[in-house]
């Protein structure tokens, strides 16, 4: 039901239902990841990050949670760093050059 709610864009319902999943299985990394995605979809970035952080603490091997933590770390570049993006951009083929403190992340 939680996954169906996400697919239908019922993000508040999905968040609640994934919470019920976690009540049954507090080590379900997918549920933490989906709860974060539901919050992000509602424009609640800080709550999404909190869900992903808690999930990573409980499920440190979950690929999606690890990826979110890695991206978050990359975005914490110090204020002296500047993002430099070089052409060509081809987002359909996801070919581009971008540098942020020596790191680049592409998400889909």
C-alpha atoms as a PDB file:
ATOM      1  CA  UNK A   1       0.000   0.000   0.000  1.00  0.00           C
ATOM      2  CA  UNK A   2       2.833   2.395   0.808  1.00  0.00           C
ATOM      3  CA  UNK A   3       4.429   1.906  -2.600  1.00  0.00           C
ATOM      4  CA  UNK A   4       1.072   2.366  -4.317  1.00  0.00           C
ATOM      5  CA  UNK A   5       0.518   5.608  -2.412  1.00  0.00           C
ATOM      6  CA  UNK A   6       3.932   6.852  -3.617  1.00  0.00           C
ATOM      7  CA  UNK A   7       3.125   5.916  -7.209  1.00  0.00           C
ATOM      8  CA  UNK A   8      -0.177   7.759  -6.978  1.00  0.00           C
ATOM      9  CA  UNK A   9       1.490  10.844  -5.535  1.00  0.00           C
ATOM     10  CA  UNK A  10      -0.223  10.512  -2.162  1.00  0.00           C
ATOM     11  CA  UNK A  11       2.981  11.419  -0.369  1.00  0.00           C
ATOM     12  CA  UNK A  12       1.542  12.072   3.094  1.00  0.00           C
ATOM     13  CA  UNK A  13      -0.206   8.697   3.038  1.00  0.00           C
ATOM     14  CA  UNK A  14       2.950   7.016   1.771  1.00  0.00           C
ATOM     15  CA  UNK A  15       5.025   8.561   4.566  1.00  0.00           C
ATOM     16  CA  UNK A  16       2.566   7.301   7.166  1.00  0.00           C
ATOM     17  CA  UNK A  17       2.335   3.826   5.631  1.00  0.00           C
ATOM     18  CA  UNK A  18       6.108   3.468   5.438  1.00  0.00           C
ATOM     19  CA  UNK A  19       6.139   4.394   9.120  1.00  0.00           C
ATOM     20  CA  UNK A  20       3.892   1.411   9.743  1.00  0.00           C
ATOM     21  CA  UNK A  21       6.339  -0.756   7.795  1.00  0.00           C
ATOM     22  CA  UNK A  22       9.138   0.478  10.057  1.00  0.00           C
ATOM     23  CA  UNK A  23       7.088  -0.265  13.163  1.00  0.00           C
ATOM     24  CA  UNK A  24       7.078  -3.897  12.019  1.00  0.00           C
ATOM     25  CA  UNK A  25      10.661  -3.945  10.729  1.00  0.00           C
ATOM     26  CA  UNK A  26      12.887  -1.105  12.003  1.00  0.00           C
ATOM     27  CA  UNK A  27      15.741  -2.330   9.786  1.00  0.00           C
ATOM     28  CA  UNK A  28      13.888  -1.823   6.468  1.00  0.00           C
ATOM     29  CA  UNK A  29      16.193   0.489   4.526  1.00  0.00           C
ATOM     30  CA  UNK A  30      13.771   0.863   1.637  1.00  0.00           C
ATOM     31  CA  UNK A  31      11.115   2.222   3.995  1.00  0.00           C
ATOM     32  CA  UNK A  32      13.500   4.867   5.358  1.00  0.00           C
ATOM     33  CA  UNK A  33      14.573   5.776   1.848  1.00  0.00           C
ATOM     34  CA  UNK A  34      10.964   6.028   0.657  1.00  0.00           C
ATOM     35  CA  UNK A  35       9.967   8.140   3.663  1.00  0.00           C
ATOM     36  CA  UNK A  36      12.735  10.564   2.762  1.00  0.00           C
ATOM     37  CA  UNK A  37      11.595  10.608  -0.859  1.00  0.00           C
ATOM     38  CA  UNK A  38       8.018  11.297   0.256  1.00  0.00           C
ATOM     39  CA  UNK A  39       9.148  14.275   2.326  1.00  0.00           C
ATOM     40  CA  UNK A  40      11.358  15.546  -0.488  1.00  0.00           C
ATOM     41  CA  UNK A  41       8.396  15.301  -2.854  1.00  0.00           C
ATOM     42  CA  UNK A  42       6.466  17.552  -0.476  1.00  0.00           C
ATOM     43  CA  UNK A  43       9.274  20.111  -0.547  1.00  0.00           C
ATOM     44  CA  UNK A  44      10.355  19.252   2.997  1.00  0.00           C
ATOM     45  CA  UNK A  45      14.075  18.907   2.399  1.00  0.00           C
ATOM     46  CA  UNK A  46      15.173  18.952   6.061  1.00  0.00           C
ATOM     47  CA  UNK A  47      12.661  16.249   6.981  1.00  0.00           C
ATOM     48  CA  UNK A  48      13.792  14.156   4.021  1.00  0.00           C
ATOM     49  CA  UNK A  49      17.392  14.452   5.190  1.00  0.00           C
ATOM     50  CA  UNK A  50      16.367  13.472   8.725  1.00  0.00           C
ATOM     51  CA  UNK A  51      14.605  10.347   7.433  1.00  0.00           C
ATOM     52  CA  UNK A  52      17.612   9.373   5.343  1.00  0.00           C
ATOM     53  CA  UNK A  53      20.030  10.025   8.199  1.00  0.00           C
ATOM     54  CA  UNK A  54      18.045   7.860  10.602  1.00  0.00           C
ATOM     55  CA  UNK A  55      17.803   5.183   7.936  1.00  0.00           C
ATOM     56  CA  UNK A  56      21.552   5.220   7.376  1.00  0.00           C
ATOM     57  CA  UNK A  57      22.119   4.772  11.106  1.00  0.00           C
ATOM     58  CA  UNK A  58      19.851   1.719  11.092  1.00  0.00           C
ATOM     59  CA  UNK A  59      20.800   0.363   7.668  1.00  0.00           C
ATOM     60  CA  UNK A  60      24.363   1.486   6.876  1.00  0.00           C
ATOM     61  CA  UNK A  61      24.646  -0.767   3.808  1.00  0.00           C
ATOM     62  CA  UNK A  62      21.523   0.471   1.997  1.00  0.00           C
ATOM     63  CA  UNK A  63      22.698   1.810  -1.374  1.00  0.00           C
ATOM     64  CA  UNK A  64      20.146   4.600  -1.683  1.00  0.00           C
ATOM     65  CA  UNK A  65      20.761   5.871   1.834  1.00  0.00           C
ATOM     66  CA  UNK A  66      24.526   5.745   1.332  1.00  0.00           C
ATOM     67  CA  UNK A  67      24.136   7.653  -1.952  1.00  0.00           C
ATOM     68  CA  UNK A  68      22.084  10.383  -0.271  1.00  0.00           C
ATOM     69  CA  UNK A  69      24.647  10.734   2.511  1.00  0.00           C
ATOM     70  CA  UNK A  70      27.453  10.924  -0.056  1.00  0.00           C
ATOM     71  CA  UNK A  71      25.646  13.629  -2.028  1.00  0.00           C
ATOM     72  CA  UNK A  72      24.946  15.563   1.150  1.00  0.00           C
ATOM     73  CA  UNK A  73      28.658  15.448   1.997  1.00  0.00           C
ATOM     74  CA  UNK A  74      29.593  16.688  -1.459  1.00  0.00           C
ATOM     75  CA  UNK A  75      27.245  19.646  -1.181  1.00  0.00           C
ATOM     76  CA  UNK A  76      28.948  20.710   2.043  1.00  0.00           C
ATOM     77  CA  UNK A  77      31.869  22.151   0.160  1.00  0.00           C
ATOM     78  CA  UNK A  78      33.316  25.138   1.928  1.00  0.00           C
ATOM     79  CA  UNK A  79      32.283  28.613   0.844  1.00  0.00           C
ATOM     80  CA  UNK A  80      35.531  29.100  -1.074  1.00  0.00           C
ATOM     81  CA  UNK A  81      34.577  26.293  -3.483  1.00  0.00           C
ATOM     82  CA  UNK A  82      32.740  27.255  -6.613  1.00  0.00           C
ATOM     83  CA  UNK A  83      30.782  25.011  -8.926  1.00  0.00           C
ATOM     84  CA  UNK A  84      32.207  25.112 -12.418  1.00  0.00           C
ATOM     85  CA  UNK A  85      30.192  23.501 -15.162  1.00  0.00           C
ATOM     86  CA  UNK A  86      31.579  23.105 -18.654  1.00  0.00           C
ATOM     87  CA  UNK A  87      29.670  22.488 -21.859  1.00  0.00           C
ATOM     88  CA  UNK A  88      28.531  20.401 -23.544  1.00  0.00           C
ATOM     89  CA  UNK A  89      25.422  19.500 -21.577  1.00  0.00           C
ATOM     90  CA  UNK A  90      23.444  16.570 -22.937  1.00  0.00           C
ATOM     91  CA  UNK A  91      21.093  15.641 -20.127  1.00  0.00           C
ATOM     92  CA  UNK A  92      19.221  13.102 -22.210  1.00  0.00           C
ATOM     93  CA  UNK A  93      22.370  11.053 -22.596  1.00  0.00           C
ATOM     94  CA  UNK A  94      23.608  12.289 -19.207  1.00  0.00           C
ATOM     95  CA  UNK A  95      26.914  13.349 -20.700  1.00  0.00           C
ATOM     96  CA  UNK A  96      28.404  16.455 -19.211  1.00  0.00           C
ATOM     97  CA  UNK A  97      31.379  17.722 -17.356  1.00  0.00           C
ATOM     98  CA  UNK A  98      30.816  19.253 -13.946  1.00  0.00           C
ATOM     99  CA  UNK A  99      33.175  19.830 -11.082  1.00  0.00           C
ATOM    100  CA  UNK A 100      32.356  20.579  -7.465  1.00  0.00           C
ATOM    101  CA  UNK A 101      35.373  20.304  -5.275  1.00  0.00           C
ATOM    102  CA  UNK A 102      36.566  17.462  -7.474  1.00  0.00           C
ATOM    103  CA  UNK A 103      33.303  15.551  -7.143  1.00  0.00           C
ATOM    104  CA  UNK A 104      30.358  15.127  -9.471  1.00  0.00           C
ATOM    105  CA  UNK A 105      27.080  13.324  -8.882  1.00  0.00           C
ATOM    106  CA  UNK A 106      24.406  12.430 -11.393  1.00  0.00           C
ATOM    107  CA  UNK A 107      21.105  11.191 -10.073  1.00  0.00           C
ATOM    108  CA  UNK A 108      18.210   9.794 -12.005  1.00  0.00           C
END
